[in-house]
Amino acid sequence: MASTTKLLPTYIDSNAMALFQQTQGVTAALGGKSLALNDGRILWLFGASHLNDFTANQTIACSANAHNSAMIQTTSNTMQTLNVSNADFIPSNESNTWFTPLHAYQYEDTVFVFARKESAVPNYKTYIAKIHFPDMQFVRIDSLSLNTTVYGYNIIADTIQGFCFIYGLYQPLSASTSSLTLARFSLTSPHSTWLYYDNGKWYNPPSSASNIATIPAENVCIEKVKNKYILMTQDAGFTCNTGFTIYSKVASNPWGPFSNYVQQYQVGDKLAGISPATKDVAIHRENINGNDEILMTYVINGYAPCMNTCNGGEDNPDYYRIKAVRIPLKNFDPEL
């Protein structure tokens, strides 16, 4: 049931958006999950990306030239691209395959980046890239086969209990809705034995995992904010003129139940009356301002096929960039 509580105003955070309006390195990208690193910097992860293609006309190329990228937000709020030249941040050694980063966590000198492998044939393994900290150099990538569920859409490290909660989607590329599941593993190593949540208990094997929520396509982000677990999602709007509504649910435990449905934001960004394709909604718990407003982001992915904005091989970079919105925490739950 939707909340009847009167919501406080939300607004575009132009300062946050400016971080992603770069003219060098990552000039536009899909994705935008973040991780606060142990030294105060923030790691940002992206899927399909434009690298070093900003022109004198203040445009970018019509097509992305990298499959994934990463940026570091420094403690002085400058952005540093981690890709070398125009190469993928997480490389693939197989032809016609590439990786889309999902989320990450840090343990000592290693940042573990979970990723989905993209290819012509659906791939439902869970991939884990190891990045050395603090220089953030790619080391290697390994895979786990976990009952055709891709894990890593969000990771919540519980340093007190010594393990990570990790969320997965069952066959996420096969339907307009996906089943959300939950697992946990030792904080020290994602290759240790995993346990899977099923109706109040933890089991192995992976097939034990039960559905804790139904998600439109892959639009999911779950973060722990104070003493609540906030689930953000949006309508399946991977094409123009669809997927306008971004909403939340809240739980007291990582496994739910998620309730208090609230419509948090309606995507605007119209161009000649046409709404863009949008996706990748996320909240960023390391970015809560002094007014108790959390940063929420989503990504514009162009106006095709409703409108062709590509002209002479060039396009407007703002049609493929992150949008940043401030949402008061009280809008999610009165206790926050």
C-alpha atoms as a PDB file:
ATOM      1  CA  MET A   1       0.000   0.000   0.000  1.00  0.00           C
ATOM      2  CA  ALA A   2       1.308   3.429  -0.905  1.00  0.00           C
ATOM      3  CA  SER A   3       2.222   5.844   1.877  1.00  0.00           C
ATOM      4  CA  THR A   4      -0.217   8.686   2.557  1.00  0.00           C
ATOM      5  CA  THR A   5       2.438  10.806   4.285  1.00  0.00           C
ATOM      6  CA  LYS A   6       2.951  14.237   2.703  1.00  0.00           C
ATOM      7  CA  LEU A   7       6.374  14.232   1.071  1.00  0.00           C
ATOM      8  CA  LEU A   8       8.972  16.939   1.467  1.00  0.00           C
ATOM      9  CA  PRO A   9      10.238  18.568  -1.760  1.00  0.00           C
ATOM     10  CA  THR A  10      12.886  16.877  -3.901  1.00  0.00           C
ATOM     11  CA  TYR A  11      15.178  18.817  -6.205  1.00  0.00           C
ATOM     12  CA  ILE A  12      17.895  18.453  -8.831  1.00  0.00           C
ATOM     13  CA  ASP A  13      21.394  18.643  -7.321  1.00  0.00           C
ATOM     14  CA  SER A  14      23.316  20.578  -9.980  1.00  0.00           C
ATOM     15  CA  ASN A  15      26.580  20.392  -8.006  1.00  0.00           C
ATOM     16  CA  ALA A  16      26.418  16.601  -7.964  1.00  0.00           C
ATOM     17  CA  MET A  17      25.561  16.458 -11.667  1.00  0.00           C
ATOM     18  CA  ALA A  18      28.558  18.652 -12.452  1.00  0.00           C
ATOM     19  CA  LEU A  19      30.811  15.839 -11.217  1.00  0.00           C
ATOM     20  CA  PHE A  20      29.730  13.772 -14.224  1.00  0.00           C
ATOM     21  CA  GLN A  21      29.851  16.539 -16.828  1.00  0.00           C
ATOM     22  CA  GLN A  22      33.476  15.892 -17.649  1.00  0.00           C
ATOM     23  CA  THR A  23      35.247  16.932 -20.849  1.00  0.00           C
ATOM     24  CA  GLN A  24      38.048  14.367 -20.437  1.00  0.00           C
ATOM     25  CA  GLY A  25      38.032  10.747 -19.314  1.00  0.00           C
ATOM     26  CA  VAL A  26      34.468   9.549 -18.772  1.00  0.00           C
ATOM     27  CA  THR A  27      32.352  12.121 -20.602  1.00  0.00           C
ATOM     28  CA  ALA A  28      29.056  10.161 -20.342  1.00  0.00           C
ATOM     29  CA  ALA A  29      28.074   6.711 -19.097  1.00  0.00           C
ATOM     30  CA  LEU A  30      25.349   4.363 -17.915  1.00  0.00           C
ATOM     31  CA  GLY A  31      25.310   2.945 -14.389  1.00  0.00           C
ATOM     32  CA  GLY A  32      26.558   4.921 -11.425  1.00  0.00           C
ATOM     33  CA  LYS A  33      26.805   2.711  -8.336  1.00  0.00           C
ATOM     34  CA  SER A  34      29.188   4.109  -5.724  1.00  0.00           C
ATOM     35  CA  LEU A  35      31.393   2.822  -2.906  1.00  0.00           C
ATOM     36  CA  ALA A  36      33.018   4.848  -0.132  1.00  0.00           C
ATOM     37  CA  LEU A  37      36.646   3.710   0.117  1.00  0.00           C
ATOM     38  CA  ASN A  38      38.640   3.446   3.336  1.00  0.00           C
ATOM     39  CA  ASP A  39      40.687   6.570   2.578  1.00  0.00           C
ATOM     40  CA  GLY A  40      37.692   8.874   2.092  1.00  0.00           C
ATOM     41  CA  ARG A  41      37.560   8.668  -1.698  1.00  0.00           C
ATOM     42  CA  ILE A  42      34.501   7.352  -3.554  1.00  0.00           C
ATOM     43  CA  LEU A  43      34.597   4.779  -6.342  1.00  0.00           C
ATOM     44  CA  TRP A  44      32.000   5.187  -9.109  1.00  0.00           C
ATOM     45  CA  LEU A  45      31.248   2.280 -11.465  1.00  0.00           C
ATOM     46  CA  PHE A  46      29.731   2.559 -14.940  1.00  0.00           C
ATOM     47  CA  GLY A  47      28.592   0.334 -17.774  1.00  0.00           C
ATOM     48  CA  ALA A  48      28.633   1.495 -21.414  1.00  0.00           C
ATOM     49  CA  SER A  49      30.799   4.621 -21.443  1.00  0.00           C
ATOM     50  CA  HIS A  50      32.067   7.469 -23.590  1.00  0.00           C
ATOM     51  CA  LEU A  51      35.774   8.050 -23.052  1.00  0.00           C
ATOM     52  CA  ASN A  52      37.749  11.084 -24.213  1.00  0.00           C
ATOM     53  CA  ASP A  53      35.323  11.933 -27.018  1.00  0.00           C
ATOM     54  CA  PHE A  54      34.269  15.462 -26.019  1.00  0.00           C
ATOM     55  CA  THR A  55      34.571  17.768 -29.036  1.00  0.00           C
ATOM     56  CA  ALA A  56      35.111  21.479 -29.605  1.00  0.00           C
ATOM     57  CA  ASN A  57      31.379  21.625 -30.378  1.00  0.00           C
ATOM     58  CA  GLN A  58      30.687  20.437 -26.795  1.00  0.00           C
ATOM     59  CA  THR A  59      29.323  17.159 -28.163  1.00  0.00           C
ATOM     60  CA  ILE A  60      30.280  13.489 -27.864  1.00  0.00           C
ATOM     61  CA  ALA A  61      30.219  10.596 -30.310  1.00  0.00           C
ATOM     62  CA  CYS A  62      26.830   9.018 -30.975  1.00  0.00           C
ATOM     63  CA  SER A  63      27.992   5.637 -29.660  1.00  0.00           C
ATOM     64  CA  ALA A  64      29.881   4.610 -26.536  1.00  0.00           C
ATOM     65  CA  ASN A  65      33.469   3.510 -27.108  1.00  0.00           C
ATOM     66  CA  ALA A  66      33.968   1.485 -23.894  1.00  0.00           C
ATOM     67  CA  HIS A  67      31.931  -1.272 -22.268  1.00  0.00           C
ATOM     68  CA  ASN A  68      32.674  -0.158 -18.709  1.00  0.00           C
ATOM     69  CA  SER A  69      34.524   2.492 -16.785  1.00  0.00           C
ATOM     70  CA  ALA A  70      35.323   3.705 -13.289  1.00  0.00           C
ATOM     71  CA  MET A  71      36.041   7.052 -11.690  1.00  0.00           C
ATOM     72  CA  ILE A  72      37.414   8.152  -8.346  1.00  0.00           C
ATOM     73  CA  GLN A  73      35.847  11.096  -6.569  1.00  0.00           C
ATOM     74  CA  THR A  74      38.639  12.588  -4.493  1.00  0.00           C
ATOM     75  CA  THR A  75      38.232  14.147  -1.068  1.00  0.00           C
ATOM     76  CA  SER A  76      38.409  17.549  -2.806  1.00  0.00           C
ATOM     77  CA  ASN A  77      35.535  16.525  -5.141  1.00  0.00           C
ATOM     78  CA  THR A  78      37.545  16.210  -8.325  1.00  0.00           C
ATOM     79  CA  MET A  79      36.913  13.222 -10.613  1.00  0.00           C
ATOM     80  CA  GLN A  80      39.670  10.955 -11.893  1.00  0.00           C
ATOM     81  CA  THR A  81      39.036   8.361 -14.613  1.00  0.00           C
ATOM     82  CA  LEU A  82      40.621   4.968 -13.881  1.00  0.00           C
ATOM     83  CA  ASN A  83      40.482   3.593 -17.434  1.00  0.00           C
ATOM     84  CA  VAL A  84      43.764   3.572 -19.323  1.00  0.00           C
ATOM     85  CA  SER A  85      43.214   5.483 -22.564  1.00  0.00           C
ATOM     86  CA  ASN A  86      39.940   4.163 -24.052  1.00  0.00           C
ATOM     87  CA  ALA A  87      40.277   0.597 -22.758  1.00  0.00           C
ATOM     88  CA  ASP A  88      37.665  -1.041 -20.532  1.00  0.00           C
ATOM     89  CA  PHE A  89      38.354  -0.719 -16.795  1.00  0.00           C
ATOM     90  CA  ILE A  90      37.420  -4.402 -16.361  1.00  0.00           C
ATOM     91  CA  PRO A  91      38.813  -6.145 -19.457  1.00  0.00           C
ATOM     92  CA  SER A  92      37.586  -9.336 -21.105  1.00  0.00           C
ATOM     93  CA  ASN A  93      39.971 -11.773 -22.774  1.00  0.00           C
ATOM     94  CA  GLU A  94      37.184 -13.322 -24.876  1.00  0.00           C
ATOM     95  CA  SER A  95      35.987 -11.887 -28.177  1.00  0.00           C
ATOM     96  CA  ASN A  96      32.470 -10.444 -28.306  1.00  0.00           C
ATOM     97  CA  THR A  97      32.093 -10.460 -24.521  1.00  0.00           C
ATOM     98  CA  TRP A  98      32.392  -7.696 -21.956  1.00  0.00           C
ATOM     99  CA  PHE A  99      31.527  -6.835 -18.372  1.00  0.00           C
ATOM    100  CA  THR A 100      28.999  -4.516 -16.767  1.00  0.00           C
ATOM    101  CA  PRO A 101      29.986  -3.576 -13.171  1.00  0.00           C
ATOM    102  CA  LEU A 102      27.192  -3.904 -10.611  1.00  0.00           C
ATOM    103  CA  HIS A 103      28.472  -2.957  -7.141  1.00  0.00           C
ATOM    104  CA  ALA A 104      31.511  -3.452  -4.919  1.00  0.00           C
ATOM    105  CA  TYR A 105      32.899  -3.698  -1.415  1.00  0.00           C
ATOM    106  CA  GLN A 106      36.338  -3.244   0.093  1.00  0.00           C
ATOM    107  CA  TYR A 107      38.343  -5.512   2.372  1.00  0.00           C
ATOM    108  CA  GLU A 108      41.778  -4.213   3.364  1.00  0.00           C
ATOM    109  CA  ASP A 109      43.868  -3.778   0.190  1.00  0.00           C
ATOM    110  CA  THR A 110      41.308  -5.233  -2.235  1.00  0.00           C
ATOM    111  CA  VAL A 111      38.160  -3.810  -3.767  1.00  0.00           C
ATOM    112  CA  PHE A 112      35.905  -6.614  -5.018  1.00  0.00           C
ATOM    113  CA  VAL A 113      33.796  -5.451  -7.963  1.00  0.00           C
ATOM    114  CA  PHE A 114      30.892  -7.713  -8.870  1.00  0.00           C
ATOM    115  CA  ALA A 115      29.949  -7.720 -12.535  1.00  0.00           C
ATOM    116  CA  ARG A 116      27.672  -9.279 -15.124  1.00  0.00           C
ATOM    117  CA  LYS A 117      29.203 -10.783 -18.263  1.00  0.00           C
ATOM    118  CA  GLU A 118      27.557  -9.685 -21.493  1.00  0.00           C
ATOM    119  CA  SER A 119      27.515 -11.801 -24.661  1.00  0.00           C
ATOM    120  CA  ALA A 120      25.192 -12.952 -27.434  1.00  0.00           C
ATOM    121  CA  VAL A 121      24.179 -15.931 -25.272  1.00  0.00           C
ATOM    122  CA  PRO A 122      22.714 -15.048 -21.822  1.00  0.00           C
ATOM    123  CA  ASN A 123      25.284 -15.591 -19.073  1.00  0.00           C
ATOM    124  CA  TYR A 124      24.036 -15.965 -15.502  1.00  0.00           C
ATOM    125  CA  LYS A 125      27.304 -16.502 -13.657  1.00  0.00           C
ATOM    126  CA  THR A 126      28.490 -14.074 -11.018  1.00  0.00           C
ATOM    127  CA  TYR A 127      31.837 -12.445 -11.824  1.00  0.00           C
ATOM    128  CA  ILE A 128      34.162 -10.831  -9.289  1.00  0.00           C
ATOM    129  CA  ALA A 129      36.930  -8.462 -10.357  1.00  0.00           C
ATOM    130  CA  LYS A 130      39.732  -7.796  -7.907  1.00  0.00           C
ATOM    131  CA  ILE A 131      41.073  -4.238  -7.781  1.00  0.00           C
ATOM    132  CA  HIS A 132      44.163  -3.385  -5.740  1.00  0.00           C
ATOM    133  CA  PHE A 133      43.767  -0.569  -3.218  1.00  0.00           C
ATOM    134  CA  PRO A 134      44.852   2.248  -3.001  1.00  0.00           C
ATOM    135  CA  ASP A 135      46.215   2.478  -6.579  1.00  0.00           C
ATOM    136  CA  MET A 136      42.947   0.947  -7.955  1.00  0.00           C
ATOM    137  CA  GLN A 137      44.696  -1.230 -10.503  1.00  0.00           C
ATOM    138  CA  PHE A 138      42.825  -4.180 -12.028  1.00  0.00           C
ATOM    139  CA  VAL A 139      44.275  -7.531 -10.888  1.00  0.00           C
ATOM    140  CA  ARG A 140      42.039 -10.312 -12.274  1.00  0.00           C
ATOM    141  CA  ILE A 141      38.455 -11.502 -12.591  1.00  0.00           C
ATOM    142  CA  ASP A 142      36.941 -14.815 -11.444  1.00  0.00           C
ATOM    143  CA  SER A 143      33.489 -16.354 -11.716  1.00  0.00           C
ATOM    144  CA  LEU A 144      30.973 -18.271  -9.602  1.00  0.00           C
ATOM    145  CA  SER A 145      28.006 -20.269 -10.899  1.00  0.00           C
ATOM    146  CA  LEU A 146      25.110 -19.666  -8.499  1.00  0.00           C
ATOM    147  CA  ASN A 147      21.899 -21.253  -9.792  1.00  0.00           C
ATOM    148  CA  THR A 148      21.506 -18.914 -12.810  1.00  0.00           C
ATOM    149  CA  THR A 149      21.283 -15.939 -10.459  1.00  0.00           C
ATOM    150  CA  VAL A 150      23.543 -12.929 -11.004  1.00  0.00           C
ATOM    151  CA  TYR A 151      24.643 -11.611  -7.605  1.00  0.00           C
ATOM    152  CA  GLY A 152      26.170  -8.231  -6.869  1.00  0.00           C
ATOM    153  CA  TYR A 153      23.434  -5.682  -7.626  1.00  0.00           C
ATOM    154  CA  ASN A 154      24.094  -4.353  -4.147  1.00  0.00           C
ATOM    155  CA  ILE A 155      26.477  -5.384  -1.399  1.00  0.00           C
ATOM    156  CA  ILE A 156      26.168  -4.364   2.239  1.00  0.00           C
ATOM    157  CA  ALA A 157      29.228  -5.130   4.357  1.00  0.00           C
ATOM    158  CA  ASP A 158      28.435  -5.968   7.988  1.00  0.00           C
ATOM    159  CA  THR A 159      31.797  -5.414   9.653  1.00  0.00           C
ATOM    160  CA  ILE A 160      30.456  -6.292  13.127  1.00  0.00           C
ATOM    161  CA  GLN A 161      29.254  -9.761  12.153  1.00  0.00           C
ATOM    162  CA  GLY A 162      32.036 -10.220   9.611  1.00  0.00           C
ATOM    163  CA  PHE A 163      30.103 -10.958   6.448  1.00  0.00           C
ATOM    164  CA  CYS A 164      28.545  -9.289   3.414  1.00  0.00           C
ATOM    165  CA  PHE A 165      24.902  -9.328   2.416  1.00  0.00           C
ATOM    166  CA  ILE A 166      24.615  -9.534  -1.365  1.00  0.00           C
ATOM    167  CA  TYR A 167      21.557  -9.196  -3.584  1.00  0.00           C
ATOM    168  CA  GLY A 168      20.988 -11.099  -6.803  1.00  0.00           C
ATOM    169  CA  LEU A 169      18.456 -11.309  -9.620  1.00  0.00           C
ATOM    170  CA  TYR A 170      17.359 -14.654 -11.016  1.00  0.00           C
ATOM    171  CA  GLN A 171      17.884 -14.756 -14.807  1.00  0.00           C
ATOM    172  CA  PRO A 172      17.767 -10.941 -14.973  1.00  0.00           C
ATOM    173  CA  LEU A 173      17.925 -10.685 -18.750  1.00  0.00           C
ATOM    174  CA  SER A 174      15.042 -13.045 -19.486  1.00  0.00           C
ATOM    175  CA  ALA A 175      11.902 -11.174 -18.376  1.00  0.00           C
ATOM    176  CA  SER A 176      10.350  -7.790 -17.704  1.00  0.00           C
ATOM    177  CA  THR A 177      10.360  -8.621 -13.988  1.00  0.00           C
ATOM    178  CA  SER A 178      13.049 -10.349 -11.951  1.00  0.00           C
ATOM    179  CA  SER A 179      13.113 -12.243  -8.666  1.00  0.00           C
ATOM    180  CA  LEU A 180      15.333 -10.629  -6.007  1.00  0.00           C
ATOM    181  CA  THR A 181      17.266 -13.012  -3.747  1.00  0.00           C
ATOM    182  CA  LEU A 182      19.705 -12.561  -0.862  1.00  0.00           C
ATOM    183  CA  ALA A 183      22.909 -14.345   0.122  1.00  0.00           C
ATOM    184  CA  ARG A 184      25.790 -13.757   2.510  1.00  0.00           C
ATOM    185  CA  PHE A 185      29.479 -14.667   2.634  1.00  0.00           C
ATOM    186  CA  SER A 186      32.538 -13.978   4.744  1.00  0.00           C
ATOM    187  CA  LEU A 187      33.776 -10.396   4.538  1.00  0.00           C
ATOM    188  CA  THR A 188      37.336 -11.663   4.127  1.00  0.00           C
ATOM    189  CA  SER A 189      36.665 -13.603   0.912  1.00  0.00           C
ATOM    190  CA  PRO A 190      33.754 -13.748  -1.562  1.00  0.00           C
ATOM    191  CA  HIS A 191      35.041 -17.198  -2.571  1.00  0.00           C
ATOM    192  CA  SER A 192      34.207 -18.670   0.847  1.00  0.00           C
ATOM    193  CA  THR A 193      31.015 -20.695   1.378  1.00  0.00           C
ATOM    194  CA  TRP A 194      27.862 -18.704   0.656  1.00  0.00           C
ATOM    195  CA  LEU A 195      24.556 -19.083   2.493  1.00  0.00           C
ATOM    196  CA  TYR A 196      21.190 -18.196   0.942  1.00  0.00           C
ATOM    197  CA  TYR A 197      18.168 -16.683   2.628  1.00  0.00           C
ATOM    198  CA  ASP A 198      14.908 -18.607   2.655  1.00  0.00           C
ATOM    199  CA  ASN A 199      12.014 -17.538   4.888  1.00  0.00           C
ATOM    200  CA  GLY A 200      13.956 -16.721   8.032  1.00  0.00           C
ATOM    201  CA  LYS A 201      16.794 -19.233   7.671  1.00  0.00           C
ATOM    202  CA  TRP A 202      20.090 -19.541   5.822  1.00  0.00           C
ATOM    203  CA  TYR A 203      20.901 -22.542   3.651  1.00  0.00           C
ATOM    204  CA  ASN A 204      23.238 -23.907   1.052  1.00  0.00           C
ATOM    205  CA  PRO A 205      23.019 -24.680  -1.986  1.00  0.00           C
ATOM    206  CA  PRO A 206      22.162 -21.616  -4.127  1.00  0.00           C
ATOM    207  CA  SER A 207      18.819 -23.116  -5.153  1.00  0.00           C
ATOM    208  CA  SER A 208      17.683 -22.592  -1.539  1.00  0.00           C
ATOM    209  CA  ALA A 209      17.303 -18.831  -2.051  1.00  0.00           C
ATOM    210  CA  SER A 210      13.718 -17.595  -1.991  1.00  0.00           C
ATOM    211  CA  ASN A 211      12.224 -14.512  -3.598  1.00  0.00           C
ATOM    212  CA  ILE A 212      12.239 -11.483  -1.265  1.00  0.00           C
ATOM    213  CA  ALA A 213      10.908  -8.944  -3.804  1.00  0.00           C
ATOM    214  CA  THR A 214       9.847  -8.679  -7.442  1.00  0.00           C
ATOM    215  CA  ILE A 215      11.848  -6.135  -9.430  1.00  0.00           C
ATOM    216  CA  PRO A 216      11.064  -4.415 -12.764  1.00  0.00           C
ATOM    217  CA  ALA A 217      13.824  -5.720 -15.053  1.00  0.00           C
ATOM    218  CA  GLU A 218      17.171  -4.876 -13.373  1.00  0.00           C
ATOM    219  CA  ASN A 219      16.175  -1.592 -11.763  1.00  0.00           C
ATOM    220  CA  VAL A 220      17.169  -2.213  -8.157  1.00  0.00           C
ATOM    221  CA  CYS A 221      19.312  -0.621  -5.481  1.00  0.00           C
ATOM    222  CA  ILE A 222      19.282  -1.534  -1.780  1.00  0.00           C
ATOM    223  CA  GLU A 223      21.280   0.428   0.772  1.00  0.00           C
ATOM    224  CA  LYS A 224      21.383   0.495   4.555  1.00  0.00           C
ATOM    225  CA  VAL A 225      20.717   4.039   5.775  1.00  0.00           C
ATOM    226  CA  LYS A 226      20.888   4.440   9.544  1.00  0.00           C
ATOM    227  CA  ASN A 227      18.774   1.554  10.867  1.00  0.00           C
ATOM    228  CA  LYS A 228      16.701   0.977   7.712  1.00  0.00           C
ATOM    229  CA  TYR A 229      17.187  -0.874   4.435  1.00  0.00           C
ATOM    230  CA  ILE A 230      15.925   1.201   1.521  1.00  0.00           C
ATOM    231  CA  LEU A 231      14.960  -0.494  -1.735  1.00  0.00           C
ATOM    232  CA  MET A 232      14.898   1.813  -4.745  1.00  0.00           C
ATOM    233  CA  THR A 233      13.516   0.838  -8.113  1.00  0.00           C
ATOM    234  CA  GLN A 234      11.735   2.302 -11.110  1.00  0.00           C
ATOM    235  CA  ASP A 235       9.424   1.174 -13.866  1.00  0.00           C
ATOM    236  CA  ALA A 236      11.105  -0.852 -16.617  1.00  0.00           C
ATOM    237  CA  GLY A 237      11.847   2.112 -18.868  1.00  0.00           C
ATOM    238  CA  PHE A 238      14.691   0.989 -21.094  1.00  0.00           C
ATOM    239  CA  THR A 239      13.195   2.816 -24.048  1.00  0.00           C
ATOM    240  CA  CYS A 240      11.777   6.286 -24.654  1.00  0.00           C
ATOM    241  CA  ASN A 241       8.412   7.373 -23.232  1.00  0.00           C
ATOM    242  CA  THR A 242       8.373   4.627 -20.579  1.00  0.00           C
ATOM    243  CA  GLY A 243       9.590   4.146 -17.025  1.00  0.00           C
ATOM    244  CA  PHE A 244       8.791   7.520 -15.492  1.00  0.00           C
ATOM    245  CA  THR A 245       8.193   6.512 -11.878  1.00  0.00           C
ATOM    246  CA  ILE A 246      10.977   6.021  -9.319  1.00  0.00           C
ATOM    247  CA  TYR A 247       9.809   4.597  -6.007  1.00  0.00           C
ATOM    248  CA  SER A 248      11.033   3.128  -2.752  1.00  0.00           C
ATOM    249  CA  LYS A 249      10.185   0.568  -0.106  1.00  0.00           C
ATOM    250  CA  VAL A 250      11.738   0.196   3.353  1.00  0.00           C
ATOM    251  CA  ALA A 251      12.550  -2.707   5.667  1.00  0.00           C
ATOM    252  CA  SER A 252      14.094  -3.147   9.104  1.00  0.00           C
ATOM    253  CA  ASN A 253      16.154  -6.151   7.949  1.00  0.00           C
ATOM    254  CA  PRO A 254      18.180  -6.827   4.805  1.00  0.00           C
ATOM    255  CA  TRP A 255      15.736  -9.601   3.811  1.00  0.00           C
ATOM    256  CA  GLY A 256      12.642  -7.468   4.235  1.00  0.00           C
ATOM    257  CA  PRO A 257       9.743  -7.522   4.217  1.00  0.00           C
ATOM    258  CA  PHE A 258       9.893  -4.332   2.158  1.00  0.00           C
ATOM    259  CA  SER A 259       6.872  -2.098   2.650  1.00  0.00           C
ATOM    260  CA  ASN A 260       5.808   1.574   2.754  1.00  0.00           C
ATOM    261  CA  TYR A 261       5.677   2.017  -1.027  1.00  0.00           C
ATOM    262  CA  VAL A 262       6.415   5.666  -1.870  1.00  0.00           C
ATOM    263  CA  GLN A 263       6.576   7.312  -5.297  1.00  0.00           C
ATOM    264  CA  GLN A 264       9.712   9.374  -4.787  1.00  0.00           C
ATOM    265  CA  TYR A 265      10.246  10.991  -8.172  1.00  0.00           C
ATOM    266  CA  GLN A 266       8.782  11.384 -11.638  1.00  0.00           C
ATOM    267  CA  VAL A 267      11.348  11.543 -14.437  1.00  0.00           C
ATOM    268  CA  GLY A 268      11.050  14.666 -16.548  1.00  0.00           C
ATOM    269  CA  ASP A 269      13.887  15.420 -18.998  1.00  0.00           C
ATOM    270  CA  LYS A 270      11.459  15.737 -21.916  1.00  0.00           C
ATOM    271  CA  LEU A 271      12.687  16.866 -25.310  1.00  0.00           C
ATOM    272  CA  ALA A 272      10.010  18.073 -27.732  1.00  0.00           C
ATOM    273  CA  GLY A 273       7.461  16.252 -25.592  1.00  0.00           C
ATOM    274  CA  ILE A 274       9.413  12.966 -25.628  1.00  0.00           C
ATOM    275  CA  SER A 275      10.799  11.346 -22.470  1.00  0.00           C
ATOM    276  CA  PRO A 276      14.205   9.636 -22.676  1.00  0.00           C
ATOM    277  CA  ALA A 277      15.054   6.057 -21.895  1.00  0.00           C
ATOM    278  CA  THR A 278      16.144   5.937 -18.254  1.00  0.00           C
ATOM    279  CA  LYS A 279      17.579   3.272 -15.958  1.00  0.00           C
ATOM    280  CA  ASP A 280      20.050   2.524 -13.159  1.00  0.00           C
ATOM    281  CA  VAL A 281      18.339   4.273 -10.248  1.00  0.00           C
ATOM    282  CA  ALA A 282      20.573   4.304  -7.164  1.00  0.00           C
ATOM    283  CA  ILE A 283      20.907   5.988  -3.793  1.00  0.00           C
ATOM    284  CA  HIS A 284      24.270   6.801  -2.251  1.00  0.00           C
ATOM    285  CA  ARG A 285      24.451   6.403   1.518  1.00  0.00           C
ATOM    286  CA  GLU A 286      27.867   8.070   1.717  1.00  0.00           C
ATOM    287  CA  ASN A 287      26.279  11.230   0.316  1.00  0.00           C
ATOM    288  CA  ILE A 288      23.775  12.613   2.818  1.00  0.00           C
ATOM    289  CA  ASN A 289      23.913  16.379   3.272  1.00  0.00           C
ATOM    290  CA  GLY A 290      23.394  18.489   6.382  1.00  0.00           C
ATOM    291  CA  ASN A 291      19.651  18.650   5.726  1.00  0.00           C
ATOM    292  CA  ASP A 292      19.321  14.849   5.872  1.00  0.00           C
ATOM    293  CA  GLU A 293      18.791  14.624   2.120  1.00  0.00           C
ATOM    294  CA  ILE A 294      20.308  11.619   0.363  1.00  0.00           C
ATOM    295  CA  LEU A 295      21.691  11.673  -3.182  1.00  0.00           C
ATOM    296  CA  MET A 296      19.655   9.671  -5.698  1.00  0.00           C
ATOM    297  CA  THR A 297      20.838   9.170  -9.273  1.00  0.00           C
ATOM    298  CA  TYR A 298      19.470   7.724 -12.471  1.00  0.00           C
ATOM    299  CA  VAL A 299      20.803   7.727 -16.017  1.00  0.00           C
ATOM    300  CA  ILE A 300      19.422   9.118 -19.255  1.00  0.00           C
ATOM    301  CA  ASN A 301      20.108   6.769 -22.175  1.00  0.00           C
ATOM    302  CA  GLY A 302      19.033   8.858 -25.149  1.00  0.00           C
ATOM    303  CA  TYR A 303      15.711   9.474 -26.902  1.00  0.00           C
ATOM    304  CA  ALA A 304      15.857   6.762 -29.572  1.00  0.00           C
ATOM    305  CA  PRO A 305      13.865   5.375 -31.265  1.00  0.00           C
ATOM    306  CA  CYS A 306      11.272   8.101 -30.596  1.00  0.00           C
ATOM    307  CA  MET A 307      13.691  10.820 -31.711  1.00  0.00           C
ATOM    308  CA  ASN A 308      17.051  10.835 -33.458  1.00  0.00           C
ATOM    309  CA  THR A 309      19.399  13.304 -31.769  1.00  0.00           C
ATOM    310  CA  CYS A 310      22.575  12.099 -33.502  1.00  0.00           C
ATOM    311  CA  ASN A 311      23.767  14.615 -36.092  1.00  0.00           C
ATOM    312  CA  GLY A 312      26.882  14.111 -38.176  1.00  0.00           C
ATOM    313  CA  GLY A 313      28.192  11.461 -35.799  1.00  0.00           C
ATOM    314  CA  GLU A 314      27.840  13.773 -32.780  1.00  0.00           C
ATOM    315  CA  ASP A 315      25.308  14.022 -29.963  1.00  0.00           C
ATOM    316  CA  ASN A 316      24.567  16.032 -26.819  1.00  0.00           C
ATOM    317  CA  PRO A 317      26.440  14.453 -23.858  1.00  0.00           C
ATOM    318  CA  ASP A 318      23.665  15.430 -21.440  1.00  0.00           C
ATOM    319  CA  TYR A 319      21.392  12.942 -23.224  1.00  0.00           C
ATOM    320  CA  TYR A 320      23.579  10.117 -21.846  1.00  0.00           C
ATOM    321  CA  ARG A 321      24.592  11.304 -18.403  1.00  0.00           C
ATOM    322  CA  ILE A 322      23.676  10.851 -14.762  1.00  0.00           C
ATOM    323  CA  LYS A 323      20.888  12.956 -13.288  1.00  0.00           C
ATOM    324  CA  ALA A 324      21.233  13.713  -9.574  1.00  0.00           C
ATOM    325  CA  VAL A 325      18.328  14.374  -7.204  1.00  0.00           C
ATOM    326  CA  ARG A 326      18.158  15.149  -3.478  1.00  0.00           C
ATOM    327  CA  ILE A 327      15.491  13.259  -1.520  1.00  0.00           C
ATOM    328  CA  PRO A 328      14.789  13.970   2.178  1.00  0.00           C
ATOM    329  CA  LEU A 329      15.286  10.834   4.285  1.00  0.00           C
ATOM    330  CA  LYS A 330      11.901  11.426   5.930  1.00  0.00           C
ATOM    331  CA  ASN A 331      10.302  10.728   2.541  1.00  0.00           C
ATOM    332  CA  PHE A 332      11.413   7.107   2.834  1.00  0.00           C
ATOM    333  CA  ASP A 333      10.429   6.531   6.448  1.00  0.00           C
ATOM    334  CA  PRO A 334       9.407   8.860   9.305  1.00  0.00           C
ATOM    335  CA  GLU A 335      12.045   7.234  11.540  1.00  0.00           C
ATOM    336  CA  LEU A 336      14.939   8.306   9.329  1.00  0.00           C
END
